[in-house]
């Protein structure tokens, strides 16, 4: 997954500004995630947590930190979008817990979920 994220950061599909990120704790890489920035929104893509570390709250912490990062570094960003497989109830529960919800649109047979960023 990390190689896919790095390749997309270089190739820039969709002419988006791709940002690869690693989820790190105590000098160990626990996961990866990609952000693809466009005017007014950011897509959260390819979130993957090491299978041996799943179920420990790392995904929730990673998503929360990513959202804070986007809010702080992209002042023009109004919403964050992602897709989630309809059968992936664990991921759906995670995304719903931080405020994402399906917006009714689909991409490649997966519902698009959005979260409006709250500005202070």
PDB file of N, CA and C in Angstrom:
ATOM      1  N   UNK A   1       0.822  -1.191   0.000  1.00  0.00           N
ATOM      2  CA  UNK A   1       0.000   0.000   0.000  1.00  0.00           C
ATOM      3  C   UNK A   1       0.868   1.259   0.000  1.00  0.00           C
ATOM      4  N   UNK A   2       1.950   1.243   0.767  1.00  0.00           N
ATOM      5  CA  UNK A   2       2.816   2.426   0.838  1.00  0.00           C
ATOM      6  C   UNK A   2       3.370   2.779  -0.536  1.00  0.00           C
ATOM      7  N   UNK A   3       3.723   1.784  -1.325  1.00  0.00           N
ATOM      8  CA  UNK A   3       4.247   2.060  -2.661  1.00  0.00           C
ATOM      9  C   UNK A   3       3.193   2.677  -3.562  1.00  0.00           C
ATOM     10  N   UNK A   4       1.963   2.235  -3.450  1.00  0.00           N
ATOM     11  CA  UNK A   4       0.871   2.822  -4.234  1.00  0.00           C
ATOM     12  C   UNK A   4       0.710   4.296  -3.867  1.00  0.00           C
ATOM     13  N   UNK A   5       0.722   4.590  -2.579  1.00  0.00           N
ATOM     14  CA  UNK A   5       0.562   5.965  -2.113  1.00  0.00           C
ATOM     15  C   UNK A   5       1.709   6.836  -2.618  1.00  0.00           C
ATOM     16  N   UNK A   6       2.940   6.349  -2.520  1.00  0.00           N
ATOM     17  CA  UNK A   6       4.088   7.129  -2.991  1.00  0.00           C
ATOM     18  C   UNK A   6       4.041   7.335  -4.504  1.00  0.00           C
ATOM     19  N   UNK A   7       3.639   6.325  -5.246  1.00  0.00           N
ATOM     20  CA  UNK A   7       3.532   6.464  -6.694  1.00  0.00           C
ATOM     21  C   UNK A   7       2.491   7.516  -7.065  1.00  0.00           C
ATOM     22  N   UNK A   8       1.373   7.511  -6.375  1.00  0.00           N
ATOM     23  CA  UNK A   8       0.333   8.491  -6.670  1.00  0.00           C
ATOM     24  C   UNK A   8       0.789   9.909  -6.321  1.00  0.00           C
ATOM     25  N   UNK A   9       1.588  10.057  -5.278  1.00  0.00           N
ATOM     26  CA  UNK A   9       2.112  11.374  -4.924  1.00  0.00           C
ATOM     27  C   UNK A   9       3.002  11.910  -6.038  1.00  0.00           C
ATOM     28  N   UNK A  10       3.688  11.015  -6.716  1.00  0.00           N
ATOM     29  CA  UNK A  10       4.577  11.410  -7.811  1.00  0.00           C
ATOM     30  C   UNK A  10       3.799  11.657  -9.106  1.00  0.00           C
ATOM     31  N   UNK A  11       2.886  10.737  -9.448  1.00  0.00           N
ATOM     32  CA  UNK A  11       2.144  10.802 -10.706  1.00  0.00           C
ATOM     33  C   UNK A  11       1.013  11.832 -10.655  1.00  0.00           C
ATOM     34  N   UNK A  12       0.427  12.027  -9.468  1.00  0.00           N
ATOM     35  CA  UNK A  12      -0.657  12.992  -9.247  1.00  0.00           C
ATOM     36  C   UNK A  12      -1.908  12.717 -10.088  1.00  0.00           C
ATOM     37  N   UNK A  13      -2.497  11.535  -9.963  1.00  0.00           N
ATOM     38  CA  UNK A  13      -3.714  11.266 -10.738  1.00  0.00           C
ATOM     39  C   UNK A  13      -4.819  12.252 -10.381  1.00  0.00           C
ATOM     40  N   UNK A  14      -5.613  12.580 -11.388  1.00  0.00           N
ATOM     41  CA  UNK A  14      -6.689  13.536 -11.179  1.00  0.00           C
ATOM     42  C   UNK A  14      -6.190  14.963 -11.018  1.00  0.00           C
ATOM     43  N   UNK A  15      -4.892  15.164 -11.266  1.00  0.00           N
ATOM     44  CA  UNK A  15      -4.254  16.471 -11.112  1.00  0.00           C
ATOM     45  C   UNK A  15      -4.480  17.048  -9.711  1.00  0.00           C
ATOM     46  N   UNK A  16      -4.538  16.159  -8.725  1.00  0.00           N
ATOM     47  CA  UNK A  16      -4.703  16.565  -7.337  1.00  0.00           C
ATOM     48  C   UNK A  16      -3.337  16.685  -6.670  1.00  0.00           C
ATOM     49  N   UNK A  17      -3.289  17.400  -5.581  1.00  0.00           N
ATOM     50  CA  UNK A  17      -2.069  17.546  -4.789  1.00  0.00           C
ATOM     51  C   UNK A  17      -2.047  16.408  -3.775  1.00  0.00           C
ATOM     52  N   UNK A  18      -1.281  15.358  -4.056  1.00  0.00           N
ATOM     53  CA  UNK A  18      -1.246  14.155  -3.220  1.00  0.00           C
ATOM     54  C   UNK A  18      -0.246  14.328  -2.093  1.00  0.00           C
ATOM     55  N   UNK A  19      -0.627  13.884  -0.909  1.00  0.00           N
ATOM     56  CA  UNK A  19       0.211  13.980   0.285  1.00  0.00           C
ATOM     57  C   UNK A  19       0.261  12.619   0.979  1.00  0.00           C
ATOM     58  N   UNK A  20       1.388  11.910   0.881  1.00  0.00           N
ATOM     59  CA  UNK A  20       1.519  10.630   1.586  1.00  0.00           C
ATOM     60  C   UNK A  20       1.869  10.871   3.052  1.00  0.00           C
ATOM     61  N   UNK A  21       1.256  10.110   3.937  1.00  0.00           N
ATOM     62  CA  UNK A  21       1.526  10.231   5.369  1.00  0.00           C
ATOM     63  C   UNK A  21       1.733   8.845   5.970  1.00  0.00           C
ATOM     64  N   UNK A  22       2.573   8.787   6.986  1.00  0.00           N
ATOM     65  CA  UNK A  22       2.784   7.547   7.724  1.00  0.00           C
ATOM     66  C   UNK A  22       2.223   7.723   9.129  1.00  0.00           C
ATOM     67  N   UNK A  23       1.676   6.666   9.670  1.00  0.00           N
ATOM     68  CA  UNK A  23       1.197   6.634  11.052  1.00  0.00           C
ATOM     69  C   UNK A  23       2.326   6.005  11.860  1.00  0.00           C
ATOM     70  N   UNK A  24       2.944   6.806  12.730  1.00  0.00           N
ATOM     71  CA  UNK A  24       4.140   6.373  13.449  1.00  0.00           C
ATOM     72  C   UNK A  24       3.935   6.516  14.952  1.00  0.00           C
ATOM     73  N   UNK A  25       4.431   5.519  15.689  1.00  0.00           N
ATOM     74  CA  UNK A  25       4.449   5.574  17.149  1.00  0.00           C
ATOM     75  C   UNK A  25       5.724   4.901  17.624  1.00  0.00           C
ATOM     76  N   UNK A  26       6.436   5.556  18.500  1.00  0.00           N
ATOM     77  CA  UNK A  26       7.680   5.002  19.041  1.00  0.00           C
ATOM     78  C   UNK A  26       8.614   4.511  17.936  1.00  0.00           C
ATOM     79  N   UNK A  27       8.781   5.325  16.900  1.00  0.00           N
ATOM     80  CA  UNK A  27       9.677   5.055  15.768  1.00  0.00           C
ATOM     81  C   UNK A  27       9.264   3.841  14.938  1.00  0.00           C
ATOM     82  N   UNK A  28       8.043   3.348  15.110  1.00  0.00           N
ATOM     83  CA  UNK A  28       7.538   2.236  14.302  1.00  0.00           C
ATOM     84  C   UNK A  28       6.414   2.729  13.409  1.00  0.00           C
ATOM     85  N   UNK A  29       6.450   2.333  12.149  1.00  0.00           N
ATOM     86  CA  UNK A  29       5.374   2.674  11.225  1.00  0.00           C
ATOM     87  C   UNK A  29       4.230   1.694  11.463  1.00  0.00           C
ATOM     88  N   UNK A  30       3.087   2.242  11.849  1.00  0.00           N
ATOM     89  CA  UNK A  30       1.914   1.423  12.151  1.00  0.00           C
ATOM     90  C   UNK A  30       0.900   1.414  11.015  1.00  0.00           C
ATOM     91  N   UNK A  31       1.041   2.385  10.104  1.00  0.00           N
ATOM     92  CA  UNK A  31       0.090   2.474   9.014  1.00  0.00           C
ATOM     93  C   UNK A  31       0.463   3.567   8.045  1.00  0.00           C
ATOM     94  N   UNK A  32      -0.361   3.682   7.013  1.00  0.00           N
ATOM     95  CA  UNK A  32      -0.174   4.704   5.993  1.00  0.00           C
ATOM     96  C   UNK A  32      -1.535   5.265   5.597  1.00  0.00           C
ATOM     97  N   UNK A  33      -1.497   6.448   5.030  1.00  0.00           N
ATOM     98  CA  UNK A  33      -2.708   7.086   4.513  1.00  0.00           C
ATOM     99  C   UNK A  33      -2.281   8.095   3.453  1.00  0.00           C
ATOM    100  N   UNK A  34      -3.154   8.344   2.517  1.00  0.00           N
ATOM    101  CA  UNK A  34      -2.894   9.363   1.504  1.00  0.00           C
ATOM    102  C   UNK A  34      -3.995  10.406   1.565  1.00  0.00           C
ATOM    103  N   UNK A  35      -3.596  11.644   1.333  1.00  0.00           N
ATOM    104  CA  UNK A  35      -4.548  12.737   1.167  1.00  0.00           C
ATOM    105  C   UNK A  35      -4.397  13.249  -0.256  1.00  0.00           C
ATOM    106  N   UNK A  36      -5.504  13.536  -0.890  1.00  0.00           N
ATOM    107  CA  UNK A  36      -5.496  14.132  -2.227  1.00  0.00           C
ATOM    108  C   UNK A  36      -6.286  15.437  -2.122  1.00  0.00           C
ATOM    109  N   UNK A  37      -5.564  16.546  -2.280  1.00  0.00           N
ATOM    110  CA  UNK A  37      -6.160  17.863  -2.064  1.00  0.00           C
ATOM    111  C   UNK A  37      -6.624  18.476  -3.387  1.00  0.00           C
ATOM    112  N   UNK A  38      -7.801  19.073  -3.360  1.00  0.00           N
ATOM    113  CA  UNK A  38      -8.358  19.811  -4.490  1.00  0.00           C
ATOM    114  C   UNK A  38      -8.871  21.143  -3.938  1.00  0.00           C
ATOM    115  N   UNK A  39      -9.353  21.989  -4.812  1.00  0.00           N
ATOM    116  CA  UNK A  39      -9.920  23.256  -4.355  1.00  0.00           C
ATOM    117  C   UNK A  39     -11.185  22.986  -3.543  1.00  0.00           C
ATOM    118  N   UNK A  40     -11.164  23.319  -2.278  1.00  0.00           N
ATOM    119  CA  UNK A  40     -12.342  23.222  -1.436  1.00  0.00           C
ATOM    120  C   UNK A  40     -12.548  21.906  -0.714  1.00  0.00           C
ATOM    121  N   UNK A  41     -11.828  20.849  -1.115  1.00  0.00           N
ATOM    122  CA  UNK A  41     -12.006  19.577  -0.425  1.00  0.00           C
ATOM    123  C   UNK A  41     -10.715  18.769  -0.456  1.00  0.00           C
ATOM    124  N   UNK A  42     -10.662  17.789   0.430  1.00  0.00           N
ATOM    125  CA  UNK A  42      -9.565  16.826   0.496  1.00  0.00           C
ATOM    126  C   UNK A  42     -10.162  15.435   0.525  1.00  0.00           C
ATOM    127  N   UNK A  43      -9.522  14.504  -0.180  1.00  0.00           N
ATOM    128  CA  UNK A  43      -9.938  13.103  -0.121  1.00  0.00           C
ATOM    129  C   UNK A  43      -8.981  12.335   0.766  1.00  0.00           C
ATOM    130  N   UNK A  44      -9.522  11.554   1.670  1.00  0.00           N
ATOM    131  CA  UNK A  44      -8.745  10.653   2.513  1.00  0.00           C
ATOM    132  C   UNK A  44      -8.794   9.290   1.828  1.00  0.00           C
ATOM    133  N   UNK A  45      -7.605   8.783   1.447  1.00  0.00           N
ATOM    134  CA  UNK A  45      -7.525   7.560   0.645  1.00  0.00           C
ATOM    135  C   UNK A  45      -6.524   6.575   1.231  1.00  0.00           C
ATOM    136  N   UNK A  46      -6.746   5.320   0.985  1.00  0.00           N
ATOM    137  CA  UNK A  46      -5.781   4.250   1.253  1.00  0.00           C
ATOM    138  C   UNK A  46      -5.346   4.155   2.717  1.00  0.00           C
ATOM    139  N   UNK A  47      -6.232   4.412   3.651  1.00  0.00           N
ATOM    140  CA  UNK A  47      -5.865   4.236   5.057  1.00  0.00           C
ATOM    141  C   UNK A  47      -5.659   2.746   5.321  1.00  0.00           C
ATOM    142  N   UNK A  48      -4.478   2.417   5.808  1.00  0.00           N
ATOM    143  CA  UNK A  48      -4.167   1.016   6.132  1.00  0.00           C
ATOM    144  C   UNK A  48      -3.368   0.986   7.423  1.00  0.00           C
ATOM    145  N   UNK A  49      -3.850   0.216   8.379  1.00  0.00           N
ATOM    146  CA  UNK A  49      -3.159   0.018   9.658  1.00  0.00           C
ATOM    147  C   UNK A  49      -2.637  -1.414   9.676  1.00  0.00           C
ATOM    148  N   UNK A  50      -1.418  -1.605  10.159  1.00  0.00           N
ATOM    149  CA  UNK A  50      -0.807  -2.927  10.258  1.00  0.00           C
ATOM    150  C   UNK A  50      -1.803  -3.889  10.911  1.00  0.00           C
ATOM    151  N   UNK A  51      -1.994  -5.036  10.303  1.00  0.00           N
ATOM    152  CA  UNK A  51      -3.000  -5.985  10.794  1.00  0.00           C
ATOM    153  C   UNK A  51      -2.735  -6.425  12.236  1.00  0.00           C
ATOM    154  N   UNK A  52      -1.473  -6.449  12.636  1.00  0.00           N
ATOM    155  CA  UNK A  52      -1.163  -6.855  14.017  1.00  0.00           C
ATOM    156  C   UNK A  52      -1.507  -5.770  15.027  1.00  0.00           C
ATOM    157  N   UNK A  53      -1.789  -4.564  14.555  1.00  0.00           N
ATOM    158  CA  UNK A  53      -2.082  -3.441  15.456  1.00  0.00           C
ATOM    159  C   UNK A  53      -3.534  -2.967  15.364  1.00  0.00           C
ATOM    160  N   UNK A  54      -4.340  -3.633  14.562  1.00  0.00           N
ATOM    161  CA  UNK A  54      -5.733  -3.228  14.422  1.00  0.00           C
ATOM    162  C   UNK A  54      -6.506  -3.545  15.690  1.00  0.00           C
ATOM    163  N   UNK A  55      -7.570  -2.779  15.928  1.00  0.00           N
ATOM    164  CA  UNK A  55      -8.390  -2.972  17.111  1.00  0.00           C
ATOM    165  C   UNK A  55      -7.830  -2.317  18.356  1.00  0.00           C
ATOM    166  N   UNK A  56      -6.803  -1.476  18.192  1.00  0.00           N
ATOM    167  CA  UNK A  56      -6.171  -0.813  19.333  1.00  0.00           C
ATOM    168  C   UNK A  56      -6.416   0.699  19.344  1.00  0.00           C
ATOM    169  N   UNK A  57      -7.312   1.182  18.478  1.00  0.00           N
ATOM    170  CA  UNK A  57      -7.614   2.608  18.441  1.00  0.00           C
ATOM    171  C   UNK A  57      -6.677   3.427  17.562  1.00  0.00           C
ATOM    172  N   UNK A  58      -5.777   2.758  16.856  1.00  0.00           N
ATOM    173  CA  UNK A  58      -4.812   3.470  16.022  1.00  0.00           C
ATOM    174  C   UNK A  58      -5.502   4.122  14.824  1.00  0.00           C
ATOM    175  N   UNK A  59      -6.441   3.435  14.225  1.00  0.00           N
ATOM    176  CA  UNK A  59      -7.179   4.002  13.091  1.00  0.00           C
ATOM    177  C   UNK A  59      -7.925   5.262  13.494  1.00  0.00           C
ATOM    178  N   UNK A  60      -8.591   5.218  14.635  1.00  0.00           N
ATOM    179  CA  UNK A  60      -9.315   6.389  15.135  1.00  0.00           C
ATOM    180  C   UNK A  60      -8.358   7.546  15.397  1.00  0.00           C
ATOM    181  N   UNK A  61      -7.235   7.253  16.043  1.00  0.00           N
ATOM    182  CA  UNK A  61      -6.242   8.296  16.310  1.00  0.00           C
ATOM    183  C   UNK A  61      -5.693   8.862  15.012  1.00  0.00           C
ATOM    184  N   UNK A  62      -5.421   7.990  14.040  1.00  0.00           N
ATOM    185  CA  UNK A  62      -4.876   8.435  12.757  1.00  0.00           C
ATOM    186  C   UNK A  62      -5.856   9.345  12.029  1.00  0.00           C
ATOM    187  N   UNK A  63      -7.115   8.931  11.954  1.00  0.00           N
ATOM    188  CA  UNK A  63      -8.117   9.744  11.260  1.00  0.00           C
ATOM    189  C   UNK A  63      -8.297  11.087  11.969  1.00  0.00           C
ATOM    190  N   UNK A  64      -8.334  11.080  13.279  1.00  0.00           N
ATOM    191  CA  UNK A  64      -8.470  12.335  14.033  1.00  0.00           C
ATOM    192  C   UNK A  64      -7.302  13.260  13.776  1.00  0.00           C
ATOM    193  N   UNK A  65      -6.083  12.720  13.770  1.00  0.00           N
ATOM    194  CA  UNK A  65      -4.900  13.539  13.502  1.00  0.00           C
ATOM    195  C   UNK A  65      -4.886  14.050  12.062  1.00  0.00           C
ATOM    196  N   UNK A  66      -5.301  13.227  11.123  1.00  0.00           N
ATOM    197  CA  UNK A  66      -5.360  13.645   9.721  1.00  0.00           C
ATOM    198  C   UNK A  66      -6.355  14.796   9.563  1.00  0.00           C
ATOM    199  N   UNK A  67      -7.501  14.690  10.194  1.00  0.00           N
ATOM    200  CA  UNK A  67      -8.498  15.762  10.100  1.00  0.00           C
ATOM    201  C   UNK A  67      -7.968  17.062  10.694  1.00  0.00           C
ATOM    202  N   UNK A  68      -7.287  16.989  11.830  1.00  0.00           N
ATOM    203  CA  UNK A  68      -6.689  18.182  12.436  1.00  0.00           C
ATOM    204  C   UNK A  68      -5.614  18.762  11.524  1.00  0.00           C
ATOM    205  N   UNK A  69      -4.828  17.902  10.897  1.00  0.00           N
ATOM    206  CA  UNK A  69      -3.787  18.343   9.970  1.00  0.00           C
ATOM    207  C   UNK A  69      -4.393  19.081   8.776  1.00  0.00           C
ATOM    208  N   UNK A  70      -5.446  18.514   8.200  1.00  0.00           N
ATOM    209  CA  UNK A  70      -6.097  19.148   7.047  1.00  0.00           C
ATOM    210  C   UNK A  70      -6.670  20.504   7.453  1.00  0.00           C
ATOM    211  N   UNK A  71      -7.345  20.552   8.583  1.00  0.00           N
ATOM    212  CA  UNK A  71      -7.938  21.813   9.043  1.00  0.00           C
ATOM    213  C   UNK A  71      -6.867  22.886   9.255  1.00  0.00           C
ATOM    214  N   UNK A  72      -5.704  22.488   9.788  1.00  0.00           N
ATOM    215  CA  UNK A  72      -4.643  23.452  10.080  1.00  0.00           C
ATOM    216  C   UNK A  72      -3.846  23.853   8.844  1.00  0.00           C
ATOM    217  N   UNK A  73      -3.652  22.921   7.921  1.00  0.00           N
ATOM    218  CA  UNK A  73      -2.757  23.193   6.795  1.00  0.00           C
ATOM    219  C   UNK A  73      -3.460  23.598   5.502  1.00  0.00           C
ATOM    220  N   UNK A  74      -4.757  23.421   5.438  1.00  0.00           N
ATOM    221  CA  UNK A  74      -5.526  23.729   4.220  1.00  0.00           C
ATOM    222  C   UNK A  74      -6.706  24.636   4.561  1.00  0.00           C
ATOM    223  N   UNK A  75      -6.458  25.920   4.764  1.00  0.00           N
ATOM    224  CA  UNK A  75      -7.542  26.819   5.186  1.00  0.00           C
ATOM    225  C   UNK A  75      -8.709  26.912   4.198  1.00  0.00           C
ATOM    226  N   UNK A  76      -8.480  26.611   2.925  1.00  0.00           N
ATOM    227  CA  UNK A  76      -9.559  26.648   1.940  1.00  0.00           C
ATOM    228  C   UNK A  76     -10.370  25.373   1.857  1.00  0.00           C
ATOM    229  N   UNK A  77      -9.956  24.364   2.603  1.00  0.00           N
ATOM    230  CA  UNK A  77     -10.651  23.073   2.565  1.00  0.00           C
ATOM    231  C   UNK A  77     -11.930  23.145   3.395  1.00  0.00           C
ATOM    232  N   UNK A  78     -13.038  22.830   2.765  1.00  0.00           N
ATOM    233  CA  UNK A  78     -14.331  22.886   3.446  1.00  0.00           C
ATOM    234  C   UNK A  78     -14.835  21.517   3.878  1.00  0.00           C
ATOM    235  N   UNK A  79     -14.392  20.463   3.166  1.00  0.00           N
ATOM    236  CA  UNK A  79     -14.847  19.133   3.548  1.00  0.00           C
ATOM    237  C   UNK A  79     -13.799  18.081   3.203  1.00  0.00           C
ATOM    238  N   UNK A  80     -13.900  16.961   3.902  1.00  0.00           N
ATOM    239  CA  UNK A  80     -13.061  15.795   3.636  1.00  0.00           C
ATOM    240  C   UNK A  80     -13.985  14.697   3.134  1.00  0.00           C
ATOM    241  N   UNK A  81     -13.540  14.012   2.092  1.00  0.00           N
ATOM    242  CA  UNK A  81     -14.329  12.948   1.477  1.00  0.00           C
ATOM    243  C   UNK A  81     -13.553  11.637   1.527  1.00  0.00           C
ATOM    244  N   UNK A  82     -14.288  10.542   1.489  1.00  0.00           N
ATOM    245  CA  UNK A  82     -13.682   9.219   1.376  1.00  0.00           C
ATOM    246  C   UNK A  82     -14.726   8.265   0.843  1.00  0.00           C
ATOM    247  N   UNK A  83     -14.273   7.103   0.407  1.00  0.00           N
ATOM    248  CA  UNK A  83     -15.188   6.026   0.061  1.00  0.00           C
ATOM    249  C   UNK A  83     -14.904   4.861   1.005  1.00  0.00           C
ATOM    250  N   UNK A  84     -15.927   4.076   1.231  1.00  0.00           N
ATOM    251  CA  UNK A  84     -15.767   2.908   2.097  1.00  0.00           C
ATOM    252  C   UNK A  84     -16.618   1.774   1.517  1.00  0.00           C
ATOM    253  N   UNK A  85     -16.045   0.591   1.502  1.00  0.00           N
ATOM    254  CA  UNK A  85     -16.755  -0.559   0.943  1.00  0.00           C
ATOM    255  C   UNK A  85     -18.034  -0.802   1.746  1.00  0.00           C
ATOM    256  N   UNK A  86     -19.145  -1.078   1.058  1.00  0.00           N
ATOM    257  CA  UNK A  86     -20.424  -1.283   1.752  1.00  0.00           C
ATOM    258  C   UNK A  86     -20.403  -2.389   2.803  1.00  0.00           C
ATOM    259  N   UNK A  87     -19.520  -3.377   2.662  1.00  0.00           N
ATOM    260  CA  UNK A  87     -19.453  -4.478   3.626  1.00  0.00           C
ATOM    261  C   UNK A  87     -18.468  -4.225   4.764  1.00  0.00           C
ATOM    262  N   UNK A  88     -17.732  -3.137   4.713  1.00  0.00           N
ATOM    263  CA  UNK A  88     -16.710  -2.865   5.728  1.00  0.00           C
ATOM    264  C   UNK A  88     -17.337  -2.091   6.893  1.00  0.00           C
ATOM    265  N   UNK A  89     -18.077  -2.816   7.717  1.00  0.00           N
ATOM    266  CA  UNK A  89     -18.800  -2.169   8.817  1.00  0.00           C
ATOM    267  C   UNK A  89     -17.846  -1.603   9.873  1.00  0.00           C
ATOM    268  N   UNK A  90     -16.704  -2.217  10.035  1.00  0.00           N
ATOM    269  CA  UNK A  90     -15.720  -1.712  11.010  1.00  0.00           C
ATOM    270  C   UNK A  90     -15.240  -0.314  10.611  1.00  0.00           C
ATOM    271  N   UNK A  91     -14.897  -0.144   9.327  1.00  0.00           N
ATOM    272  CA  UNK A  91     -14.462   1.168   8.842  1.00  0.00           C
ATOM    273  C   UNK A  91     -15.613   2.170   8.905  1.00  0.00           C
ATOM    274  N   UNK A  92     -16.809   1.735   8.550  1.00  0.00           N
ATOM    275  CA  UNK A  92     -17.969   2.626   8.603  1.00  0.00           C
ATOM    276  C   UNK A  92     -18.187   3.130  10.023  1.00  0.00           C
ATOM    277  N   UNK A  93     -18.051   2.257  11.002  1.00  0.00           N
ATOM    278  CA  UNK A  93     -18.209   2.643  12.411  1.00  0.00           C
ATOM    279  C   UNK A  93     -17.146   3.674  12.807  1.00  0.00           C
ATOM    280  N   UNK A  94     -15.916   3.444  12.377  1.00  0.00           N
ATOM    281  CA  UNK A  94     -14.830   4.380  12.655  1.00  0.00           C
ATOM    282  C   UNK A  94     -15.131   5.746  12.048  1.00  0.00           C
ATOM    283  N   UNK A  95     -15.455   5.781  10.759  1.00  0.00           N
ATOM    284  CA  UNK A  95     -15.687   7.066  10.093  1.00  0.00           C
ATOM    285  C   UNK A  95     -16.900   7.790  10.662  1.00  0.00           C
ATOM    286  N   UNK A  96     -17.940   7.045  10.974  1.00  0.00           N
ATOM    287  CA  UNK A  96     -19.130   7.668  11.566  1.00  0.00           C
ATOM    288  C   UNK A  96     -18.800   8.278  12.937  1.00  0.00           C
ATOM    289  N   UNK A  97     -17.912   7.618  13.694  1.00  0.00           N
ATOM    290  CA  UNK A  97     -17.581   8.097  15.040  1.00  0.00           C
ATOM    291  C   UNK A  97     -16.867   9.452  15.044  1.00  0.00           C
ATOM    292  N   UNK A  98     -16.223   9.808  13.926  1.00  0.00           N
ATOM    293  CA  UNK A  98     -15.557  11.116  13.857  1.00  0.00           C
ATOM    294  C   UNK A  98     -16.364  12.137  13.063  1.00  0.00           C
ATOM    295  N   UNK A  99     -17.552  11.728  12.594  1.00  0.00           N
ATOM    296  CA  UNK A  99     -18.443  12.698  11.962  1.00  0.00           C
ATOM    297  C   UNK A  99     -18.711  12.530  10.485  1.00  0.00           C
ATOM    298  N   UNK A 100     -18.116  11.536   9.841  1.00  0.00           N
ATOM    299  CA  UNK A 100     -18.409  11.291   8.430  1.00  0.00           C
ATOM    300  C   UNK A 100     -19.796  10.681   8.287  1.00  0.00           C
ATOM    301  N   UNK A 101     -20.426  10.942   7.147  1.00  0.00           N
ATOM    302  CA  UNK A 101     -21.689  10.293   6.820  1.00  0.00           C
ATOM    303  C   UNK A 101     -21.810  10.163   5.306  1.00  0.00           C
ATOM    304  N   UNK A 102     -22.546   9.171   4.835  1.00  0.00           N
ATOM    305  CA  UNK A 102     -22.724   9.001   3.389  1.00  0.00           C
ATOM    306  C   UNK A 102     -23.455  10.210   2.806  1.00  0.00           C
ATOM    307  N   UNK A 103     -23.021  10.663   1.638  1.00  0.00           N
ATOM    308  CA  UNK A 103     -23.681  11.827   1.025  1.00  0.00           C
ATOM    309  C   UNK A 103     -24.638  11.437  -0.093  1.00  0.00           C
ATOM    310  N   UNK A 104     -24.807  10.133  -0.334  1.00  0.00           N
ATOM    311  CA  UNK A 104     -25.744   9.664  -1.351  1.00  0.00           C
ATOM    312  C   UNK A 104     -25.098   9.391  -2.707  1.00  0.00           C
ATOM    313  N   UNK A 105     -23.879   9.859  -2.921  1.00  0.00           N
ATOM    314  CA  UNK A 105     -23.183   9.630  -4.192  1.00  0.00           C
ATOM    315  C   UNK A 105     -22.367   8.340  -4.104  1.00  0.00           C
ATOM    316  N   UNK A 106     -22.018   7.806  -5.258  1.00  0.00           N
ATOM    317  CA  UNK A 106     -21.232   6.578  -5.337  1.00  0.00           C
ATOM    318  C   UNK A 106     -20.038   6.813  -6.264  1.00  0.00           C
ATOM    319  N   UNK A 107     -18.966   6.068  -6.005  1.00  0.00           N
ATOM    320  CA  UNK A 107     -17.819   6.030  -6.903  1.00  0.00           C
ATOM    321  C   UNK A 107     -17.295   4.599  -6.908  1.00  0.00           C
ATOM    322  N   UNK A 108     -17.238   4.020  -8.092  1.00  0.00           N
ATOM    323  CA  UNK A 108     -16.761   2.645  -8.252  1.00  0.00           C
ATOM    324  C   UNK A 108     -17.449   1.687  -7.276  1.00  0.00           C
ATOM    325  N   UNK A 109     -18.767   1.784  -7.202  1.00  0.00           N
ATOM    326  CA  UNK A 109     -19.623   0.918  -6.384  1.00  0.00           C
ATOM    327  C   UNK A 109     -19.426   1.074  -4.882  1.00  0.00           C
ATOM    328  N   UNK A 110     -18.810   2.168  -4.462  1.00  0.00           N
ATOM    329  CA  UNK A 110     -18.660   2.448  -3.037  1.00  0.00           C
ATOM    330  C   UNK A 110     -19.291   3.806  -2.725  1.00  0.00           C
ATOM    331  N   UNK A 111     -20.017   3.896  -1.607  1.00  0.00           N
ATOM    332  CA  UNK A 111     -20.608   5.180  -1.241  1.00  0.00           C
ATOM    333  C   UNK A 111     -19.525   6.191  -0.845  1.00  0.00           C
ATOM    334  N   UNK A 112     -19.775   7.438  -1.204  1.00  0.00           N
ATOM    335  CA  UNK A 112     -18.890   8.527  -0.807  1.00  0.00           C
ATOM    336  C   UNK A 112     -19.399   9.085   0.518  1.00  0.00           C
ATOM    337  N   UNK A 113     -18.503   9.219   1.460  1.00  0.00           N
ATOM    338  CA  UNK A 113     -18.819   9.783   2.769  1.00  0.00           C
ATOM    339  C   UNK A 113     -18.136  11.139   2.871  1.00  0.00           C
ATOM    340  N   UNK A 114     -18.763  12.081   3.549  1.00  0.00           N
ATOM    341  CA  UNK A 114     -18.181  13.416   3.697  1.00  0.00           C
ATOM    342  C   UNK A 114     -18.241  13.870   5.152  1.00  0.00           C
ATOM    343  N   UNK A 115     -17.346  14.779   5.455  1.00  0.00           N
ATOM    344  CA  UNK A 115     -17.317  15.434   6.753  1.00  0.00           C
ATOM    345  C   UNK A 115     -17.024  16.905   6.482  1.00  0.00           C
ATOM    346  N   UNK A 116     -17.891  17.783   6.947  1.00  0.00           N
ATOM    347  CA  UNK A 116     -17.659  19.223   6.816  1.00  0.00           C
ATOM    348  C   UNK A 116     -16.733  19.658   7.921  1.00  0.00           C
ATOM    349  N   UNK A 117     -15.644  20.347   7.545  1.00  0.00           N
ATOM    350  CA  UNK A 117     -14.681  20.798   8.558  1.00  0.00           C
ATOM    351  C   UNK A 117     -15.255  21.991   9.297  1.00  0.00           C
ATOM    352  N   UNK A 118     -15.140  21.943  10.607  1.00  0.00           N
ATOM    353  CA  UNK A 118     -15.591  23.040  11.455  1.00  0.00           C
ATOM    354  C   UNK A 118     -14.419  23.992  11.677  1.00  0.00           C
ATOM    355  N   UNK A 119     -14.597  25.226  11.292  1.00  0.00           N
ATOM    356  CA  UNK A 119     -13.555  26.246  11.451  1.00  0.00           C
ATOM    357  C   UNK A 119     -13.804  27.026  12.734  1.00  0.00           C
ATOM    358  N   UNK A 120     -12.726  27.350  13.412  1.00  0.00           N
ATOM    359  CA  UNK A 120     -12.855  28.133  14.645  1.00  0.00           C
ATOM    360  C   UNK A 120     -12.466  29.565  14.396  1.00  0.00           C
TER     361      UNK A 120
END
